[in-house]
Each structure stands twice: as C-alpha cells, then as structure tokens.
Amino acid sequence: MHRSSSSDARKKDTREKIELGGLIVKAGLRYEKRALLLGLLIDGQRRASEDEAERTRLSAIGAEAFGHDHE
C-alpha cells in the first residue's frame, strides 16, 4: 500500500512539473536560459506578493493568455 501511495505521489509530482514546463513554452520562453527564467519567476513572485495591484495585473495577463486557448 505504501509503495502505491509513493508511486502515485511521484506521478502527481511529475505531471505538475510537466504542466509548469508547458507554461514556460506558452509564455514564449522555451529557448531562454534557465537563469533568466528563474530570475523572472523570482521577481514576479516578489512583486505579486508585495503588491496586490501587480498580482491582479499579472493574473489578468495570464487569464487572457489562457482564454486564447479556446479561440
């Protein structure tokens, strides 16, 4: 039982990482250096956690990008 639970957790973790990688591709950043990607993410996290208006603005940009999936 424990082995199955551990396997399920690994599968869930792997799926999540693949989905997160897909966001990098969707943002048009597939060929950027990892250091730049990490810097963008860290900067965005800091700005979003410190400024609710910035969090709202960035969320709107992302929601619009997801909305274009269905057109």
PDB file of N, CA and C in Angstrom:
ATOM      1  N   MET A   1       0.829  -1.196   0.000  1.00  0.00           N
ATOM      2  CA  MET A   1       0.000   0.000   0.000  1.00  0.00           C
ATOM      3  C   MET A   1       0.864   1.247   0.000  1.00  0.00           C
ATOM      4  N   HIS A   2       1.872   1.277   0.860  1.00  0.00           N
ATOM      5  CA  HIS A   2       2.752   2.438   0.942  1.00  0.00           C
ATOM      6  C   HIS A   2       3.459   2.684  -0.382  1.00  0.00           C
ATOM      7  N   ARG A   3       3.862   1.615  -1.054  1.00  0.00           N
ATOM      8  CA  ARG A   3       4.565   1.729  -2.334  1.00  0.00           C
ATOM      9  C   ARG A   3       3.667   2.365  -3.388  1.00  0.00           C
ATOM     10  N   SER A   4       2.397   1.980  -3.424  1.00  0.00           N
ATOM     11  CA  SER A   4       1.447   2.531  -4.379  1.00  0.00           C
ATOM     12  C   SER A   4       1.218   4.015  -4.115  1.00  0.00           C
ATOM     13  N   SER A   5       1.106   4.369  -2.867  1.00  0.00           N
ATOM     14  CA  SER A   5       0.916   5.768  -2.497  1.00  0.00           C
ATOM     15  C   SER A   5       2.123   6.605  -2.908  1.00  0.00           C
ATOM     16  N   SER A   6       3.300   6.057  -2.704  1.00  0.00           N
ATOM     17  CA  SER A   6       4.533   6.734  -3.089  1.00  0.00           C
ATOM     18  C   SER A   6       4.612   6.889  -4.607  1.00  0.00           C
ATOM     19  N   SER A   7       4.210   5.869  -5.321  1.00  0.00           N
ATOM     20  CA  SER A   7       4.208   5.905  -6.777  1.00  0.00           C
ATOM     21  C   SER A   7       3.208   6.945  -7.286  1.00  0.00           C
ATOM     22  N   ASP A   8       2.039   6.998  -6.672  1.00  0.00           N
ATOM     23  CA  ASP A   8       1.033   7.983  -7.053  1.00  0.00           C
ATOM     24  C   ASP A   8       1.543   9.405  -6.809  1.00  0.00           C
ATOM     25  N   ALA A   9       2.226   9.598  -5.700  1.00  0.00           N
ATOM     26  CA  ALA A   9       2.769  10.917  -5.384  1.00  0.00           C
ATOM     27  C   ALA A   9       3.826  11.325  -6.411  1.00  0.00           C
ATOM     28  N   ARG A  10       4.660  10.379  -6.820  1.00  0.00           N
ATOM     29  CA  ARG A  10       5.687  10.676  -7.836  1.00  0.00           C
ATOM     30  C   ARG A  10       5.038  11.014  -9.170  1.00  0.00           C
ATOM     31  N   LYS A  11       3.994  10.274  -9.534  1.00  0.00           N
ATOM     32  CA  LYS A  11       3.285  10.547 -10.790  1.00  0.00           C
ATOM     33  C   LYS A  11       2.647  11.934 -10.763  1.00  0.00           C
ATOM     34  N   LYS A  12       2.037  12.275  -9.637  1.00  0.00           N
ATOM     35  CA  LYS A  12       1.409  13.594  -9.488  1.00  0.00           C
ATOM     36  C   LYS A  12       2.468  14.695  -9.596  1.00  0.00           C
ATOM     37  N   ASP A  13       3.602  14.497  -8.940  1.00  0.00           N
ATOM     38  CA  ASP A  13       4.692  15.469  -8.987  1.00  0.00           C
ATOM     39  C   ASP A  13       5.214  15.634 -10.411  1.00  0.00           C
ATOM     40  N   THR A  14       5.382  14.529 -11.119  1.00  0.00           N
ATOM     41  CA  THR A  14       5.867  14.566 -12.499  1.00  0.00           C
ATOM     42  C   THR A  14       4.883  15.307 -13.394  1.00  0.00           C
ATOM     43  N   ARG A  15       3.604  15.019 -13.251  1.00  0.00           N
ATOM     44  CA  ARG A  15       2.581  15.692 -14.061  1.00  0.00           C
ATOM     45  C   ARG A  15       2.600  17.205 -13.806  1.00  0.00           C
ATOM     46  N   GLU A  16       2.712  17.585 -12.538  1.00  0.00           N
ATOM     47  CA  GLU A  16       2.746  19.006 -12.186  1.00  0.00           C
ATOM     48  C   GLU A  16       3.950  19.695 -12.835  1.00  0.00           C
ATOM     49  N   LYS A  17       5.102  19.059 -12.801  1.00  0.00           N
ATOM     50  CA  LYS A  17       6.303  19.641 -13.402  1.00  0.00           C
ATOM     51  C   LYS A  17       6.155  19.785 -14.908  1.00  0.00           C
ATOM     52  N   ILE A  18       5.546  18.802 -15.548  1.00  0.00           N
ATOM     53  CA  ILE A  18       5.314  18.886 -16.993  1.00  0.00           C
ATOM     54  C   ILE A  18       4.369  20.040 -17.302  1.00  0.00           C
ATOM     55  N   GLU A  19       3.319  20.186 -16.527  1.00  0.00           N
ATOM     56  CA  GLU A  19       2.377  21.282 -16.736  1.00  0.00           C
ATOM     57  C   GLU A  19       3.053  22.641 -16.543  1.00  0.00           C
ATOM     58  N   LEU A  20       3.907  22.743 -15.535  1.00  0.00           N
ATOM     59  CA  LEU A  20       4.622  24.001 -15.299  1.00  0.00           C
ATOM     60  C   LEU A  20       5.575  24.311 -16.449  1.00  0.00           C
ATOM     61  N   GLY A  21       6.220  23.287 -16.985  1.00  0.00           N
ATOM     62  CA  GLY A  21       7.070  23.479 -18.158  1.00  0.00           C
ATOM     63  C   GLY A  21       6.269  23.976 -19.349  1.00  0.00           C
ATOM     64  N   GLY A  22       5.040  23.490 -19.468  1.00  0.00           N
ATOM     65  CA  GLY A  22       4.163  23.945 -20.532  1.00  0.00           C
ATOM     66  C   GLY A  22       3.862  25.433 -20.433  1.00  0.00           C
ATOM     67  N   LEU A  23       3.813  25.943 -19.220  1.00  0.00           N
ATOM     68  CA  LEU A  23       3.594  27.383 -19.051  1.00  0.00           C
ATOM     69  C   LEU A  23       4.768  28.182 -19.594  1.00  0.00           C
ATOM     70  N   ILE A  24       5.970  27.682 -19.404  1.00  0.00           N
ATOM     71  CA  ILE A  24       7.163  28.341 -19.945  1.00  0.00           C
ATOM     72  C   ILE A  24       7.066  28.400 -21.468  1.00  0.00           C
ATOM     73  N   VAL A  25       6.667  27.300 -22.077  1.00  0.00           N
ATOM     74  CA  VAL A  25       6.520  27.251 -23.540  1.00  0.00           C
ATOM     75  C   VAL A  25       5.427  28.210 -23.985  1.00  0.00           C
ATOM     76  N   LYS A  26       4.281  28.187 -23.303  1.00  0.00           N
ATOM     77  CA  LYS A  26       3.149  29.045 -23.665  1.00  0.00           C
ATOM     78  C   LYS A  26       3.531  30.517 -23.580  1.00  0.00           C
ATOM     79  N   ALA A  27       4.399  30.865 -22.646  1.00  0.00           N
ATOM     80  CA  ALA A  27       4.825  32.253 -22.478  1.00  0.00           C
ATOM     81  C   ALA A  27       5.857  32.667 -23.526  1.00  0.00           C
ATOM     82  N   GLY A  28       6.275  31.728 -24.374  1.00  0.00           N
ATOM     83  CA  GLY A  28       7.244  32.053 -25.409  1.00  0.00           C
ATOM     84  C   GLY A  28       8.676  32.090 -24.920  1.00  0.00           C
ATOM     85  N   LEU A  29       8.930  31.385 -23.829  1.00  0.00           N
ATOM     86  CA  LEU A  29      10.251  31.429 -23.195  1.00  0.00           C
ATOM     87  C   LEU A  29      11.028  30.122 -23.326  1.00  0.00           C
ATOM     88  N   ARG A  30      10.613  29.264 -24.230  1.00  0.00           N
ATOM     89  CA  ARG A  30      11.206  27.936 -24.366  1.00  0.00           C
ATOM     90  C   ARG A  30      12.729  27.978 -24.515  1.00  0.00           C
ATOM     91  N   TYR A  31      13.259  28.928 -25.235  1.00  0.00           N
ATOM     92  CA  TYR A  31      14.689  28.919 -25.554  1.00  0.00           C
ATOM     93  C   TYR A  31      15.518  29.877 -24.694  1.00  0.00           C
ATOM     94  N   GLU A  32      14.907  30.419 -23.664  1.00  0.00           N
ATOM     95  CA  GLU A  32      15.654  31.308 -22.771  1.00  0.00           C
ATOM     96  C   GLU A  32      16.514  30.488 -21.813  1.00  0.00           C
ATOM     97  N   LYS A  33      17.558  31.118 -21.323  1.00  0.00           N
ATOM     98  CA  LYS A  33      18.432  30.444 -20.352  1.00  0.00           C
ATOM     99  C   LYS A  33      17.700  30.244 -19.033  1.00  0.00           C
ATOM    100  N   ARG A  34      18.030  29.180 -18.378  1.00  0.00           N
ATOM    101  CA  ARG A  34      17.383  28.843 -17.110  1.00  0.00           C
ATOM    102  C   ARG A  34      17.552  29.942 -16.067  1.00  0.00           C
ATOM    103  N   ALA A  35      18.702  30.571 -16.044  1.00  0.00           N
ATOM    104  CA  ALA A  35      18.925  31.632 -15.060  1.00  0.00           C
ATOM    105  C   ALA A  35      17.945  32.787 -15.284  1.00  0.00           C
ATOM    106  N   LEU A  36      17.687  33.132 -16.533  1.00  0.00           N
ATOM    107  CA  LEU A  36      16.725  34.186 -16.834  1.00  0.00           C
ATOM    108  C   LEU A  36      15.327  33.758 -16.400  1.00  0.00           C
ATOM    109  N   LEU A  37      14.943  32.534 -16.720  1.00  0.00           N
ATOM    110  CA  LEU A  37      13.615  32.045 -16.331  1.00  0.00           C
ATOM    111  C   LEU A  37      13.436  32.097 -14.820  1.00  0.00           C
ATOM    112  N   LEU A  38      14.421  31.626 -14.105  1.00  0.00           N
ATOM    113  CA  LEU A  38      14.329  31.636 -12.651  1.00  0.00           C
ATOM    114  C   LEU A  38      14.270  33.068 -12.124  1.00  0.00           C
ATOM    115  N   GLY A  39      15.074  33.948 -12.705  1.00  0.00           N
ATOM    116  CA  GLY A  39      15.041  35.351 -12.302  1.00  0.00           C
ATOM    117  C   GLY A  39      13.678  35.983 -12.534  1.00  0.00           C
ATOM    118  N   LEU A  40      13.067  35.704 -13.686  1.00  0.00           N
ATOM    119  CA  LEU A  40      11.729  36.228 -13.968  1.00  0.00           C
ATOM    120  C   LEU A  40      10.716  35.723 -12.953  1.00  0.00           C
ATOM    121  N   LEU A  41      10.786  34.445 -12.659  1.00  0.00           N
ATOM    122  CA  LEU A  41       9.842  33.862 -11.716  1.00  0.00           C
ATOM    123  C   LEU A  41      10.029  34.410 -10.303  1.00  0.00           C
ATOM    124  N   ILE A  42      11.259  34.541  -9.873  1.00  0.00           N
ATOM    125  CA  ILE A  42      11.522  35.080  -8.534  1.00  0.00           C
ATOM    126  C   ILE A  42      11.061  36.529  -8.447  1.00  0.00           C
ATOM    127  N   ASP A  43      11.385  37.310  -9.470  1.00  0.00           N
ATOM    128  CA  ASP A  43      10.970  38.717  -9.479  1.00  0.00           C
ATOM    129  C   ASP A  43       9.446  38.826  -9.481  1.00  0.00           C
ATOM    130  N   GLY A  44       8.792  38.022 -10.316  1.00  0.00           N
ATOM    131  CA  GLY A  44       7.336  38.050 -10.368  1.00  0.00           C
ATOM    132  C   GLY A  44       6.707  37.647  -9.054  1.00  0.00           C
ATOM    133  N   GLN A  45       7.265  36.634  -8.419  1.00  0.00           N
ATOM    134  CA  GLN A  45       6.742  36.187  -7.119  1.00  0.00           C
ATOM    135  C   GLN A  45       6.878  37.292  -6.077  1.00  0.00           C
ATOM    136  N   ARG A  46       8.012  37.956  -6.068  1.00  0.00           N
ATOM    137  CA  ARG A  46       8.230  39.047  -5.098  1.00  0.00           C
ATOM    138  C   ARG A  46       7.254  40.186  -5.339  1.00  0.00           C
ATOM    139  N   ARG A  47       7.130  40.595  -6.608  1.00  0.00           N
ATOM    140  CA  ARG A  47       6.236  41.711  -6.923  1.00  0.00           C
ATOM    141  C   ARG A  47       4.786  41.353  -6.618  1.00  0.00           C
ATOM    142  N   ALA A  48       4.378  40.134  -6.951  1.00  0.00           N
ATOM    143  CA  ALA A  48       2.995  39.714  -6.719  1.00  0.00           C
ATOM    144  C   ALA A  48       2.683  39.589  -5.228  1.00  0.00           C
ATOM    145  N   SER A  49       3.665  39.190  -4.447  1.00  0.00           N
ATOM    146  CA  SER A  49       3.405  39.033  -3.014  1.00  0.00           C
ATOM    147  C   SER A  49       3.440  40.362  -2.265  1.00  0.00           C
ATOM    148  N   GLU A  50       4.073  41.363  -2.848  1.00  0.00           N
ATOM    149  CA  GLU A  50       4.193  42.664  -2.179  1.00  0.00           C
ATOM    150  C   GLU A  50       3.156  43.683  -2.635  1.00  0.00           C
ATOM    151  N   ASP A  51       2.498  43.442  -3.767  1.00  0.00           N
ATOM    152  CA  ASP A  51       1.630  44.456  -4.359  1.00  0.00           C
ATOM    153  C   ASP A  51       0.397  43.772  -4.959  1.00  0.00           C
ATOM    154  N   GLU A  52      -0.736  43.941  -4.309  1.00  0.00           N
ATOM    155  CA  GLU A  52      -1.964  43.280  -4.767  1.00  0.00           C
ATOM    156  C   GLU A  52      -2.381  43.749  -6.160  1.00  0.00           C
ATOM    157  N   ALA A  53      -2.149  45.017  -6.474  1.00  0.00           N
ATOM    158  CA  ALA A  53      -2.487  45.523  -7.812  1.00  0.00           C
ATOM    159  C   ALA A  53      -1.629  44.832  -8.879  1.00  0.00           C
ATOM    160  N   GLU A  54      -0.362  44.616  -8.570  1.00  0.00           N
ATOM    161  CA  GLU A  54       0.521  43.924  -9.506  1.00  0.00           C
ATOM    162  C   GLU A  54       0.093  42.470  -9.662  1.00  0.00           C
ATOM    163  N   ARG A  55      -0.306  41.850  -8.573  1.00  0.00           N
ATOM    164  CA  ARG A  55      -0.794  40.468  -8.619  1.00  0.00           C
ATOM    165  C   ARG A  55      -2.025  40.373  -9.526  1.00  0.00           C
ATOM    166  N   THR A  56      -2.927  41.329  -9.371  1.00  0.00           N
ATOM    167  CA  THR A  56      -4.139  41.372 -10.189  1.00  0.00           C
ATOM    168  C   THR A  56      -3.793  41.589 -11.655  1.00  0.00           C
ATOM    169  N   ARG A  57      -2.870  42.496 -11.927  1.00  0.00           N
ATOM    170  CA  ARG A  57      -2.458  42.795 -13.297  1.00  0.00           C
ATOM    171  C   ARG A  57      -1.844  41.556 -13.962  1.00  0.00           C
ATOM    172  N   LEU A  58      -0.947  40.903 -13.266  1.00  0.00           N
ATOM    173  CA  LEU A  58      -0.299  39.712 -13.818  1.00  0.00           C
ATOM    174  C   LEU A  58      -1.296  38.568 -14.007  1.00  0.00           C
ATOM    175  N   SER A  59      -2.222  38.431 -13.081  1.00  0.00           N
ATOM    176  CA  SER A  59      -3.253  37.395 -13.210  1.00  0.00           C
ATOM    177  C   SER A  59      -4.124  37.652 -14.436  1.00  0.00           C
ATOM    178  N   ALA A  60      -4.429  38.908 -14.706  1.00  0.00           N
ATOM    179  CA  ALA A  60      -5.242  39.247 -15.881  1.00  0.00           C
ATOM    180  C   ALA A  60      -4.503  38.906 -17.172  1.00  0.00           C
ATOM    181  N   ILE A  61      -3.212  39.161 -17.204  1.00  0.00           N
ATOM    182  CA  ILE A  61      -2.408  38.812 -18.382  1.00  0.00           C
ATOM    183  C   ILE A  61      -2.440  37.301 -18.605  1.00  0.00           C
ATOM    184  N   GLY A  62      -2.256  36.544 -17.544  1.00  0.00           N
ATOM    185  CA  GLY A  62      -2.284  35.090 -17.646  1.00  0.00           C
ATOM    186  C   GLY A  62      -3.653  34.565 -18.040  1.00  0.00           C
ATOM    187  N   ALA A  63      -4.700  35.109 -17.459  1.00  0.00           N
ATOM    188  CA  ALA A  63      -6.051  34.671 -17.800  1.00  0.00           C
ATOM    189  C   ALA A  63      -6.363  34.942 -19.257  1.00  0.00           C
ATOM    190  N   GLU A  64      -5.908  36.079 -19.767  1.00  0.00           N
ATOM    191  CA  GLU A  64      -6.121  36.397 -21.178  1.00  0.00           C
ATOM    192  C   GLU A  64      -5.388  35.389 -22.060  1.00  0.00           C
ATOM    193  N   ALA A  65      -4.162  35.039 -21.689  1.00  0.00           N
ATOM    194  CA  ALA A  65      -3.408  34.063 -22.468  1.00  0.00           C
ATOM    195  C   ALA A  65      -4.084  32.701 -22.469  1.00  0.00           C
ATOM    196  N   PHE A  66      -4.630  32.283 -21.332  1.00  0.00           N
ATOM    197  CA  PHE A  66      -5.354  31.022 -21.268  1.00  0.00           C
ATOM    198  C   PHE A  66      -6.637  31.105 -22.094  1.00  0.00           C
ATOM    199  N   GLY A  67      -7.277  32.257 -22.100  1.00  0.00           N
ATOM    200  CA  GLY A  67      -8.508  32.434 -22.860  1.00  0.00           C
ATOM    201  C   GLY A  67      -8.302  32.248 -24.341  1.00  0.00           C
ATOM    202  N   HIS A  68      -7.122  32.567 -24.820  1.00  0.00           N
ATOM    203  CA  HIS A  68      -6.812  32.417 -26.247  1.00  0.00           C
ATOM    204  C   HIS A  68      -6.688  30.952 -26.646  1.00  0.00           C
ATOM    205  N   ASP A  69      -6.582  30.049 -25.673  1.00  0.00           N
ATOM    206  CA  ASP A  69      -6.534  28.609 -25.962  1.00  0.00           C
ATOM    207  C   ASP A  69      -7.818  28.114 -26.591  1.00  0.00           C
ATOM    208  N   HIS A  70      -8.899  28.779 -26.286  1.00  0.00           N
ATOM    209  CA  HIS A  70     -10.212  28.288 -26.686  1.00  0.00           C
ATOM    210  C   HIS A  70     -10.755  28.992 -27.913  1.00  0.00           C
ATOM    211  N   GLU A  71      -9.962  29.807 -28.560  1.00  0.00           N
ATOM    212  CA  GLU A  71     -10.429  30.518 -29.744  1.00  0.00           C
ATOM    213  C   GLU A  71     -10.115  29.743 -30.999  1.00  0.00           C
TER     214      GLU A  71
END
